[in-house]
Amino acid sequence: MTTIKYTLTVFAFLVFSVAGNSQAQTHQMNPGDMVVPVGDSEVVAQGGEIFSEKCSACHGGQAVGTGRAPCLSCGKFMFRGNTNSEIFETIYSGTPRTGSRGGKMGAFSSVLNDNEIISVVTYLRATEQARIASGEISDPYAGNQDAMVFPE
């Protein structure tokens, strides 16, 4: 197991263990994915604060996207994929400049610790779920699963 995957697994377990004590709702894309505590209001709030400070200038309020960067609360992630672990890795390592996919996002691993990155992922998933529940966006997981296939 790679160091990053091991670190993700350990921190996800720790966050889930703390959140699990309060019977918080969780989010996981598949059985091997990192579990994030979307029902833990403290973790979601911390992630929202970090997102507002570090990410919203490019990704917009509530992560709805701007002309500079894509929507992160729409259930579709452009770079590594749509699992919580892949979103963590994107924030941790950044993104390369890849043609029409937009500009490079720097790595946040030198600015945020792993727990802070997990809280941002949790905030993004909680915001996505709230937008789906309110009818603001359609559920990207319901219907067309081909939309969730990401090119290499």
N, C-alpha and C. Protein backbone atom coordinates (compact mmCIF):
# COMPACT_ATOMS: atom_id res chain seq x y z
N MET A 1 0.85 -1.16 0.00
CA MET A 1 0.00 0.00 0.00
C MET A 1 0.91 1.23 0.00
N THR A 2 0.61 2.20 -0.87
CA THR A 2 1.45 3.38 -0.94
C THR A 2 1.30 4.20 0.34
N THR A 3 2.26 5.06 0.57
CA THR A 3 2.26 5.90 1.77
C THR A 3 1.02 6.79 1.81
N ILE A 4 0.68 7.40 0.68
CA ILE A 4 -0.49 8.30 0.65
C ILE A 4 -1.76 7.52 0.94
N LYS A 5 -1.92 6.34 0.31
CA LYS A 5 -3.13 5.55 0.57
C LYS A 5 -3.18 5.10 2.01
N TYR A 6 -2.04 4.72 2.58
CA TYR A 6 -2.00 4.31 3.99
C TYR A 6 -2.39 5.49 4.88
N THR A 7 -1.82 6.66 4.60
CA THR A 7 -2.14 7.86 5.38
C THR A 7 -3.62 8.18 5.27
N LEU A 8 -4.17 8.11 4.05
CA LEU A 8 -5.60 8.37 3.86
C LEU A 8 -6.45 7.41 4.67
N THR A 9 -6.07 6.14 4.63
CA THR A 9 -6.84 5.13 5.36
C THR A 9 -6.81 5.39 6.85
N VAL A 10 -5.63 5.69 7.38
CA VAL A 10 -5.49 5.94 8.82
C VAL A 10 -6.28 7.17 9.23
N PHE A 11 -6.12 8.28 8.49
CA PHE A 11 -6.83 9.50 8.87
C PHE A 11 -8.34 9.36 8.68
N ALA A 12 -8.76 8.68 7.62
CA ALA A 12 -10.19 8.45 7.43
C ALA A 12 -10.76 7.64 8.59
N PHE A 13 -10.00 6.63 9.03
CA PHE A 13 -10.45 5.83 10.16
C PHE A 13 -10.57 6.68 11.41
N LEU A 14 -9.55 7.55 11.66
CA LEU A 14 -9.60 8.41 12.84
C LEU A 14 -10.77 9.38 12.79
N VAL A 15 -10.96 10.02 11.63
CA VAL A 15 -12.08 10.96 11.50
C VAL A 15 -13.40 10.22 11.66
N PHE A 16 -13.52 9.04 11.02
CA PHE A 16 -14.75 8.27 11.11
C PHE A 16 -14.99 7.82 12.55
N SER A 17 -13.93 7.42 13.25
CA SER A 17 -14.08 6.97 14.64
C SER A 17 -14.61 8.07 15.53
N VAL A 18 -14.07 9.27 15.38
CA VAL A 18 -14.54 10.40 16.17
C VAL A 18 -15.98 10.73 15.80
N ALA A 19 -16.26 10.80 14.49
CA ALA A 19 -17.61 11.12 14.05
C ALA A 19 -18.58 10.00 14.38
N GLY A 20 -18.08 8.76 14.34
CA GLY A 20 -18.95 7.61 14.59
C GLY A 20 -19.54 7.62 15.98
N ASN A 21 -18.85 8.26 16.90
CA ASN A 21 -19.36 8.34 18.26
C ASN A 21 -20.66 9.13 18.33
N SER A 22 -20.87 10.03 17.38
CA SER A 22 -22.09 10.82 17.40
C SER A 22 -23.12 10.29 16.40
N GLN A 23 -22.88 9.09 15.88
CA GLN A 23 -23.79 8.47 14.91
C GLN A 23 -23.98 9.36 13.68
N ALA A 24 -22.92 10.03 13.24
CA ALA A 24 -22.99 10.93 12.10
C ALA A 24 -23.19 10.15 10.80
N GLN A 25 -23.92 10.75 9.89
CA GLN A 25 -24.09 10.18 8.56
C GLN A 25 -22.74 10.27 7.84
N THR A 26 -22.42 9.28 7.04
CA THR A 26 -21.15 9.28 6.33
C THR A 26 -21.37 9.19 4.82
N HIS A 27 -20.30 9.44 4.07
CA HIS A 27 -20.33 9.33 2.62
C HIS A 27 -19.14 8.50 2.18
N GLN A 28 -19.40 7.57 1.26
CA GLN A 28 -18.36 6.71 0.71
C GLN A 28 -18.83 6.29 -0.68
N MET A 29 -17.99 6.44 -1.69
CA MET A 29 -18.40 6.11 -3.06
C MET A 29 -18.42 4.60 -3.31
N ASN A 30 -17.53 3.86 -2.65
CA ASN A 30 -17.48 2.42 -2.81
C ASN A 30 -16.82 1.85 -1.57
N PRO A 31 -16.86 0.53 -1.37
CA PRO A 31 -16.31 -0.05 -0.13
C PRO A 31 -14.84 0.25 0.13
N GLY A 32 -14.05 0.51 -0.89
CA GLY A 32 -12.63 0.81 -0.71
C GLY A 32 -12.32 2.28 -0.55
N ASP A 33 -13.34 3.11 -0.62
CA ASP A 33 -13.14 4.56 -0.58
C ASP A 33 -13.02 5.08 0.85
N MET A 34 -12.40 6.22 0.99
CA MET A 34 -12.32 6.92 2.27
C MET A 34 -13.72 7.30 2.72
N VAL A 35 -14.02 7.10 3.98
CA VAL A 35 -15.30 7.48 4.57
C VAL A 35 -15.18 8.90 5.10
N VAL A 36 -16.11 9.77 4.74
CA VAL A 36 -16.12 11.13 5.29
C VAL A 36 -17.43 11.35 6.05
N PRO A 37 -17.33 12.03 7.21
CA PRO A 37 -18.49 12.19 8.10
C PRO A 37 -19.37 13.39 7.73
N VAL A 38 -20.15 13.29 6.65
CA VAL A 38 -20.95 14.42 6.18
C VAL A 38 -22.02 14.85 7.18
N GLY A 39 -22.35 14.02 8.14
CA GLY A 39 -23.34 14.38 9.15
C GLY A 39 -22.73 15.03 10.38
N ASP A 40 -21.42 15.16 10.43
CA ASP A 40 -20.75 15.79 11.57
C ASP A 40 -20.62 17.28 11.29
N SER A 41 -21.48 18.07 11.91
CA SER A 41 -21.53 19.50 11.61
C SER A 41 -20.23 20.22 11.94
N GLU A 42 -19.48 19.74 12.92
CA GLU A 42 -18.20 20.39 13.24
C GLU A 42 -17.18 20.19 12.13
N VAL A 43 -17.09 18.98 11.60
CA VAL A 43 -16.15 18.70 10.51
C VAL A 43 -16.58 19.46 9.25
N VAL A 44 -17.88 19.47 8.96
CA VAL A 44 -18.39 20.19 7.79
C VAL A 44 -18.09 21.68 7.94
N ALA A 45 -18.33 22.24 9.12
CA ALA A 45 -18.08 23.67 9.35
C ALA A 45 -16.59 24.00 9.20
N GLN A 46 -15.73 23.15 9.75
CA GLN A 46 -14.29 23.38 9.61
C GLN A 46 -13.90 23.35 8.13
N GLY A 47 -14.41 22.36 7.40
CA GLY A 47 -14.12 22.28 5.97
C GLY A 47 -14.64 23.49 5.22
N GLY A 48 -15.82 23.98 5.61
CA GLY A 48 -16.38 25.17 4.97
C GLY A 48 -15.53 26.41 5.21
N GLU A 49 -15.01 26.54 6.42
CA GLU A 49 -14.14 27.68 6.73
C GLU A 49 -12.85 27.62 5.91
N ILE A 50 -12.25 26.44 5.85
CA ILE A 50 -11.02 26.27 5.07
C ILE A 50 -11.30 26.52 3.59
N PHE A 51 -12.40 25.95 3.09
CA PHE A 51 -12.76 26.14 1.69
C PHE A 51 -12.95 27.63 1.38
N SER A 52 -13.66 28.33 2.26
CA SER A 52 -13.91 29.75 2.06
C SER A 52 -12.60 30.54 1.99
N GLU A 53 -11.67 30.19 2.85
CA GLU A 53 -10.39 30.90 2.90
C GLU A 53 -9.45 30.53 1.76
N LYS A 54 -9.35 29.25 1.43
CA LYS A 54 -8.33 28.77 0.50
C LYS A 54 -8.83 28.49 -0.92
N CYS A 55 -10.12 28.22 -1.09
CA CYS A 55 -10.60 27.67 -2.36
C CYS A 55 -11.66 28.51 -3.08
N SER A 56 -12.47 29.25 -2.32
CA SER A 56 -13.64 29.89 -2.92
C SER A 56 -13.30 30.99 -3.92
N ALA A 57 -12.12 31.59 -3.84
CA ALA A 57 -11.75 32.62 -4.81
C ALA A 57 -11.77 32.07 -6.23
N CYS A 58 -11.37 30.81 -6.38
CA CYS A 58 -11.39 30.19 -7.71
C CYS A 58 -12.65 29.35 -7.95
N HIS A 59 -13.07 28.58 -6.93
CA HIS A 59 -14.18 27.64 -7.10
C HIS A 59 -15.54 28.20 -6.72
N GLY A 60 -15.60 29.45 -6.24
CA GLY A 60 -16.86 30.09 -5.91
C GLY A 60 -17.42 29.65 -4.57
N GLY A 61 -18.35 30.46 -4.07
CA GLY A 61 -19.06 30.12 -2.83
C GLY A 61 -19.84 28.84 -3.02
N GLN A 62 -19.92 28.03 -2.00
CA GLN A 62 -20.56 26.71 -2.04
C GLN A 62 -19.98 25.82 -3.14
N ALA A 63 -18.79 26.15 -3.59
CA ALA A 63 -18.07 25.34 -4.58
C ALA A 63 -18.83 25.17 -5.88
N VAL A 64 -19.61 26.19 -6.28
CA VAL A 64 -20.44 26.07 -7.47
C VAL A 64 -19.68 26.32 -8.77
N GLY A 65 -18.40 26.68 -8.67
CA GLY A 65 -17.59 26.89 -9.85
C GLY A 65 -17.64 28.33 -10.32
N THR A 66 -16.62 28.70 -11.07
CA THR A 66 -16.51 30.05 -11.66
C THR A 66 -15.88 29.88 -13.03
N GLY A 67 -15.60 30.98 -13.67
CA GLY A 67 -14.87 30.92 -14.94
C GLY A 67 -13.44 30.46 -14.75
N ARG A 68 -12.93 30.55 -13.54
CA ARG A 68 -11.55 30.17 -13.25
C ARG A 68 -11.39 28.70 -12.90
N ALA A 69 -12.41 28.11 -12.28
CA ALA A 69 -12.29 26.73 -11.79
C ALA A 69 -13.66 26.06 -11.77
N PRO A 70 -13.69 24.72 -11.87
CA PRO A 70 -14.96 23.99 -11.99
C PRO A 70 -15.76 23.89 -10.69
N CYS A 71 -17.00 23.51 -10.85
CA CYS A 71 -17.89 23.20 -9.73
C CYS A 71 -17.36 21.98 -9.00
N LEU A 72 -17.33 22.07 -7.67
CA LEU A 72 -16.89 20.95 -6.85
C LEU A 72 -18.02 20.39 -5.99
N SER A 73 -19.21 20.94 -6.15
CA SER A 73 -20.36 20.45 -5.39
C SER A 73 -21.46 19.96 -6.33
N CYS A 74 -21.04 19.50 -7.52
CA CYS A 74 -21.99 19.02 -8.53
C CYS A 74 -21.92 17.51 -8.72
N GLY A 75 -21.03 16.84 -7.98
CA GLY A 75 -20.94 15.39 -8.06
C GLY A 75 -20.09 14.86 -9.19
N LYS A 76 -19.39 15.73 -9.90
CA LYS A 76 -18.54 15.30 -11.00
C LYS A 76 -17.20 16.02 -10.86
N PHE A 77 -16.15 15.25 -10.74
CA PHE A 77 -14.83 15.82 -10.57
C PHE A 77 -13.98 15.53 -11.79
N MET A 78 -13.31 16.54 -12.31
CA MET A 78 -12.66 16.48 -13.61
C MET A 78 -11.33 15.73 -13.63
N PHE A 79 -10.59 15.71 -12.58
CA PHE A 79 -9.21 15.26 -12.70
C PHE A 79 -9.02 13.80 -12.33
N ARG A 80 -8.80 13.48 -11.10
CA ARG A 80 -8.47 12.10 -10.74
C ARG A 80 -9.68 11.19 -10.67
N GLY A 81 -10.84 11.69 -10.41
CA GLY A 81 -12.02 10.85 -10.31
C GLY A 81 -12.95 11.34 -9.21
N ASN A 82 -13.97 10.57 -8.95
CA ASN A 82 -15.07 11.02 -8.11
C ASN A 82 -15.11 10.40 -6.73
N THR A 83 -14.10 9.64 -6.34
CA THR A 83 -14.13 9.09 -4.99
C THR A 83 -13.58 10.12 -4.00
N ASN A 84 -13.90 9.93 -2.74
CA ASN A 84 -13.38 10.82 -1.71
C ASN A 84 -11.85 10.76 -1.67
N SER A 85 -11.30 9.57 -1.85
CA SER A 85 -9.85 9.40 -1.84
C SER A 85 -9.20 10.16 -3.00
N GLU A 86 -9.83 10.11 -4.16
CA GLU A 86 -9.28 10.82 -5.32
C GLU A 86 -9.40 12.33 -5.17
N ILE A 87 -10.47 12.80 -4.55
CA ILE A 87 -10.61 14.23 -4.29
C ILE A 87 -9.55 14.67 -3.29
N PHE A 88 -9.34 13.87 -2.24
CA PHE A 88 -8.27 14.14 -1.28
C PHE A 88 -6.94 14.26 -2.01
N GLU A 89 -6.65 13.32 -2.87
CA GLU A 89 -5.37 13.32 -3.61
C GLU A 89 -5.24 14.56 -4.49
N THR A 90 -6.33 14.99 -5.12
CA THR A 90 -6.29 16.19 -5.95
C THR A 90 -5.95 17.41 -5.11
N ILE A 91 -6.58 17.55 -3.95
CA ILE A 91 -6.28 18.69 -3.07
C ILE A 91 -4.84 18.57 -2.55
N TYR A 92 -4.46 17.38 -2.15
CA TYR A 92 -3.13 17.14 -1.58
C TYR A 92 -2.02 17.44 -2.59
N SER A 93 -2.17 16.94 -3.82
CA SER A 93 -1.10 17.01 -4.83
C SER A 93 -1.29 18.10 -5.87
N GLY A 94 -2.48 18.68 -5.98
CA GLY A 94 -2.75 19.67 -7.01
C GLY A 94 -3.10 19.02 -8.34
N THR A 95 -3.23 19.85 -9.36
CA THR A 95 -3.57 19.36 -10.69
C THR A 95 -2.60 19.91 -11.72
N PRO A 96 -2.33 19.14 -12.74
CA PRO A 96 -1.46 19.64 -13.82
C PRO A 96 -2.29 20.49 -14.78
N ARG A 97 -1.64 21.31 -15.52
CA ARG A 97 -2.34 22.03 -16.59
C ARG A 97 -2.54 21.04 -17.72
N THR A 98 -3.80 20.79 -18.08
CA THR A 98 -4.09 19.78 -19.10
C THR A 98 -5.00 20.34 -20.18
N GLY A 99 -4.45 21.13 -21.05
CA GLY A 99 -5.19 21.63 -22.21
C GLY A 99 -6.46 22.35 -21.84
N SER A 100 -7.58 21.90 -22.37
CA SER A 100 -8.85 22.59 -22.19
C SER A 100 -9.44 22.40 -20.80
N ARG A 101 -8.82 21.59 -19.97
CA ARG A 101 -9.36 21.35 -18.63
C ARG A 101 -9.03 22.48 -17.65
N GLY A 102 -8.38 23.51 -18.11
CA GLY A 102 -8.16 24.65 -17.24
C GLY A 102 -6.74 24.74 -16.72
N GLY A 103 -6.57 25.60 -15.76
CA GLY A 103 -5.25 25.89 -15.23
C GLY A 103 -4.80 24.92 -14.16
N LYS A 104 -3.58 25.10 -13.75
CA LYS A 104 -2.98 24.26 -12.72
C LYS A 104 -3.42 24.75 -11.34
N MET A 105 -3.80 23.80 -10.49
CA MET A 105 -4.07 24.10 -9.09
C MET A 105 -2.88 23.56 -8.31
N GLY A 106 -2.30 24.39 -7.49
CA GLY A 106 -1.16 23.97 -6.70
C GLY A 106 -1.55 22.95 -5.64
N ALA A 107 -0.56 22.25 -5.15
CA ALA A 107 -0.76 21.28 -4.07
C ALA A 107 -1.01 22.02 -2.77
N PHE A 108 -1.94 21.53 -1.98
CA PHE A 108 -2.24 22.14 -0.69
C PHE A 108 -1.62 21.37 0.47
N SER A 109 -0.82 20.34 0.16
CA SER A 109 -0.21 19.52 1.22
C SER A 109 0.77 20.30 2.08
N SER A 110 1.31 21.39 1.57
CA SER A 110 2.23 22.18 2.37
C SER A 110 1.50 23.26 3.18
N VAL A 111 0.22 23.44 2.91
CA VAL A 111 -0.57 24.47 3.58
C VAL A 111 -1.59 23.86 4.55
N LEU A 112 -2.13 22.71 4.19
CA LEU A 112 -3.16 22.04 5.00
C LEU A 112 -2.66 20.68 5.45
N ASN A 113 -3.01 20.30 6.67
CA ASN A 113 -2.67 18.94 7.11
C ASN A 113 -3.75 17.97 6.61
N ASP A 114 -3.52 16.69 6.77
CA ASP A 114 -4.44 15.68 6.24
C ASP A 114 -5.85 15.82 6.81
N ASN A 115 -5.97 16.11 8.11
CA ASN A 115 -7.30 16.27 8.71
C ASN A 115 -8.04 17.47 8.11
N GLU A 116 -7.32 18.53 7.83
CA GLU A 116 -7.94 19.70 7.21
C GLU A 116 -8.41 19.38 5.79
N ILE A 117 -7.62 18.63 5.05
CA ILE A 117 -8.03 18.24 3.70
C ILE A 117 -9.26 17.33 3.77
N ILE A 118 -9.27 16.40 4.71
CA ILE A 118 -10.45 15.54 4.89
C ILE A 118 -11.68 16.38 5.22
N SER A 119 -11.52 17.43 6.03
CA SER A 119 -12.67 18.27 6.35
C SER A 119 -13.16 19.02 5.12
N VAL A 120 -12.26 19.40 4.21
CA VAL A 120 -12.68 20.05 2.97
C VAL A 120 -13.45 19.06 2.10
N VAL A 121 -12.96 17.84 1.97
CA VAL A 121 -13.68 16.80 1.21
C VAL A 121 -15.07 16.58 1.83
N THR A 122 -15.13 16.54 3.15
CA THR A 122 -16.40 16.36 3.85
C THR A 122 -17.34 17.52 3.54
N TYR A 123 -16.83 18.74 3.59
CA TYR A 123 -17.64 19.92 3.25
C TYR A 123 -18.17 19.83 1.81
N LEU A 124 -17.31 19.44 0.87
CA LEU A 124 -17.75 19.33 -0.52
C LEU A 124 -18.86 18.31 -0.67
N ARG A 125 -18.73 17.16 -0.02
CA ARG A 125 -19.76 16.12 -0.11
C ARG A 125 -21.05 16.55 0.59
N ALA A 126 -20.94 17.20 1.73
CA ALA A 126 -22.14 17.67 2.43
C ALA A 126 -22.86 18.74 1.61
N THR A 127 -22.10 19.62 0.99
CA THR A 127 -22.69 20.67 0.15
C THR A 127 -23.35 20.05 -1.07
N GLU A 128 -22.68 19.09 -1.69
CA GLU A 128 -23.25 18.37 -2.83
C GLU A 128 -24.58 17.72 -2.43
N GLN A 129 -24.60 17.02 -1.30
CA GLN A 129 -25.83 16.36 -0.84
C GLN A 129 -26.95 17.37 -0.57
N ALA A 130 -26.61 18.50 0.02
CA ALA A 130 -27.62 19.53 0.29
C ALA A 130 -28.18 20.10 -1.01
N ARG A 131 -27.32 20.31 -2.00
CA ARG A 131 -27.78 20.84 -3.29
C ARG A 131 -28.67 19.84 -4.01
N ILE A 132 -28.35 18.55 -3.90
CA ILE A 132 -29.19 17.51 -4.51
C ILE A 132 -30.54 17.46 -3.78
N ALA A 133 -30.51 17.44 -2.45
CA ALA A 133 -31.75 17.36 -1.66
C ALA A 133 -32.67 18.54 -1.91
N SER A 134 -32.12 19.72 -2.14
CA SER A 134 -32.94 20.91 -2.37
C SER A 134 -33.46 20.99 -3.81
N GLY A 135 -32.95 20.14 -4.68
CA GLY A 135 -33.36 20.17 -6.09
C GLY A 135 -32.56 21.17 -6.90
N GLU A 136 -31.56 21.80 -6.30
CA GLU A 136 -30.74 22.78 -7.01
C GLU A 136 -29.95 22.13 -8.15
N ILE A 137 -29.47 20.90 -7.91
CA ILE A 137 -28.80 20.14 -8.96
C ILE A 137 -29.44 18.76 -9.00
N SER A 138 -29.37 18.13 -10.17
CA SER A 138 -29.90 16.77 -10.26
C SER A 138 -28.89 15.81 -9.65
N ASP A 139 -29.38 14.67 -9.21
CA ASP A 139 -28.53 13.68 -8.58
C ASP A 139 -27.67 13.01 -9.65
N PRO A 140 -26.35 13.27 -9.63
CA PRO A 140 -25.49 12.69 -10.67
C PRO A 140 -25.31 11.19 -10.52
N TYR A 141 -25.71 10.63 -9.40
CA TYR A 141 -25.55 9.20 -9.15
C TYR A 141 -26.79 8.40 -9.54
N ALA A 142 -27.86 9.07 -9.79
CA ALA A 142 -29.13 8.41 -10.11
C ALA A 142 -29.18 8.10 -11.62
N GLY A 143 -29.58 7.76 -12.40
CA GLY A 143 -29.66 7.64 -13.81
C GLY A 143 -28.42 7.19 -14.57
N ASN A 144 -27.85 8.09 -15.30
CA ASN A 144 -26.80 7.78 -16.27
C ASN A 144 -25.44 7.57 -15.59
N GLN A 145 -25.09 6.31 -15.38
CA GLN A 145 -23.80 6.02 -14.76
C GLN A 145 -22.64 6.24 -15.73
N ASP A 146 -22.92 6.33 -17.04
CA ASP A 146 -21.86 6.62 -17.98
C ASP A 146 -21.25 7.98 -17.71
N ALA A 147 -22.02 8.89 -17.13
CA ALA A 147 -21.52 10.22 -16.82
C ALA A 147 -20.44 10.18 -15.75
N MET A 148 -20.37 9.10 -15.01
CA MET A 148 -19.39 8.99 -13.93
C MET A 148 -18.10 8.29 -14.36
N VAL A 149 -17.96 7.99 -15.65
CA VAL A 149 -16.75 7.35 -16.15
C VAL A 149 -15.77 8.43 -16.52
N PHE A 150 -14.56 8.33 -16.01
CA PHE A 150 -13.56 9.35 -16.25
C PHE A 150 -12.47 8.82 -17.18
N PRO A 151 -12.13 9.60 -18.20
CA PRO A 151 -11.07 9.17 -19.13
C PRO A 151 -9.72 9.18 -18.42
N GLU A 152 -8.83 8.33 -18.86
CA GLU A 152 -7.47 8.28 -18.29
C GLU A 152 -6.67 9.44 -18.79
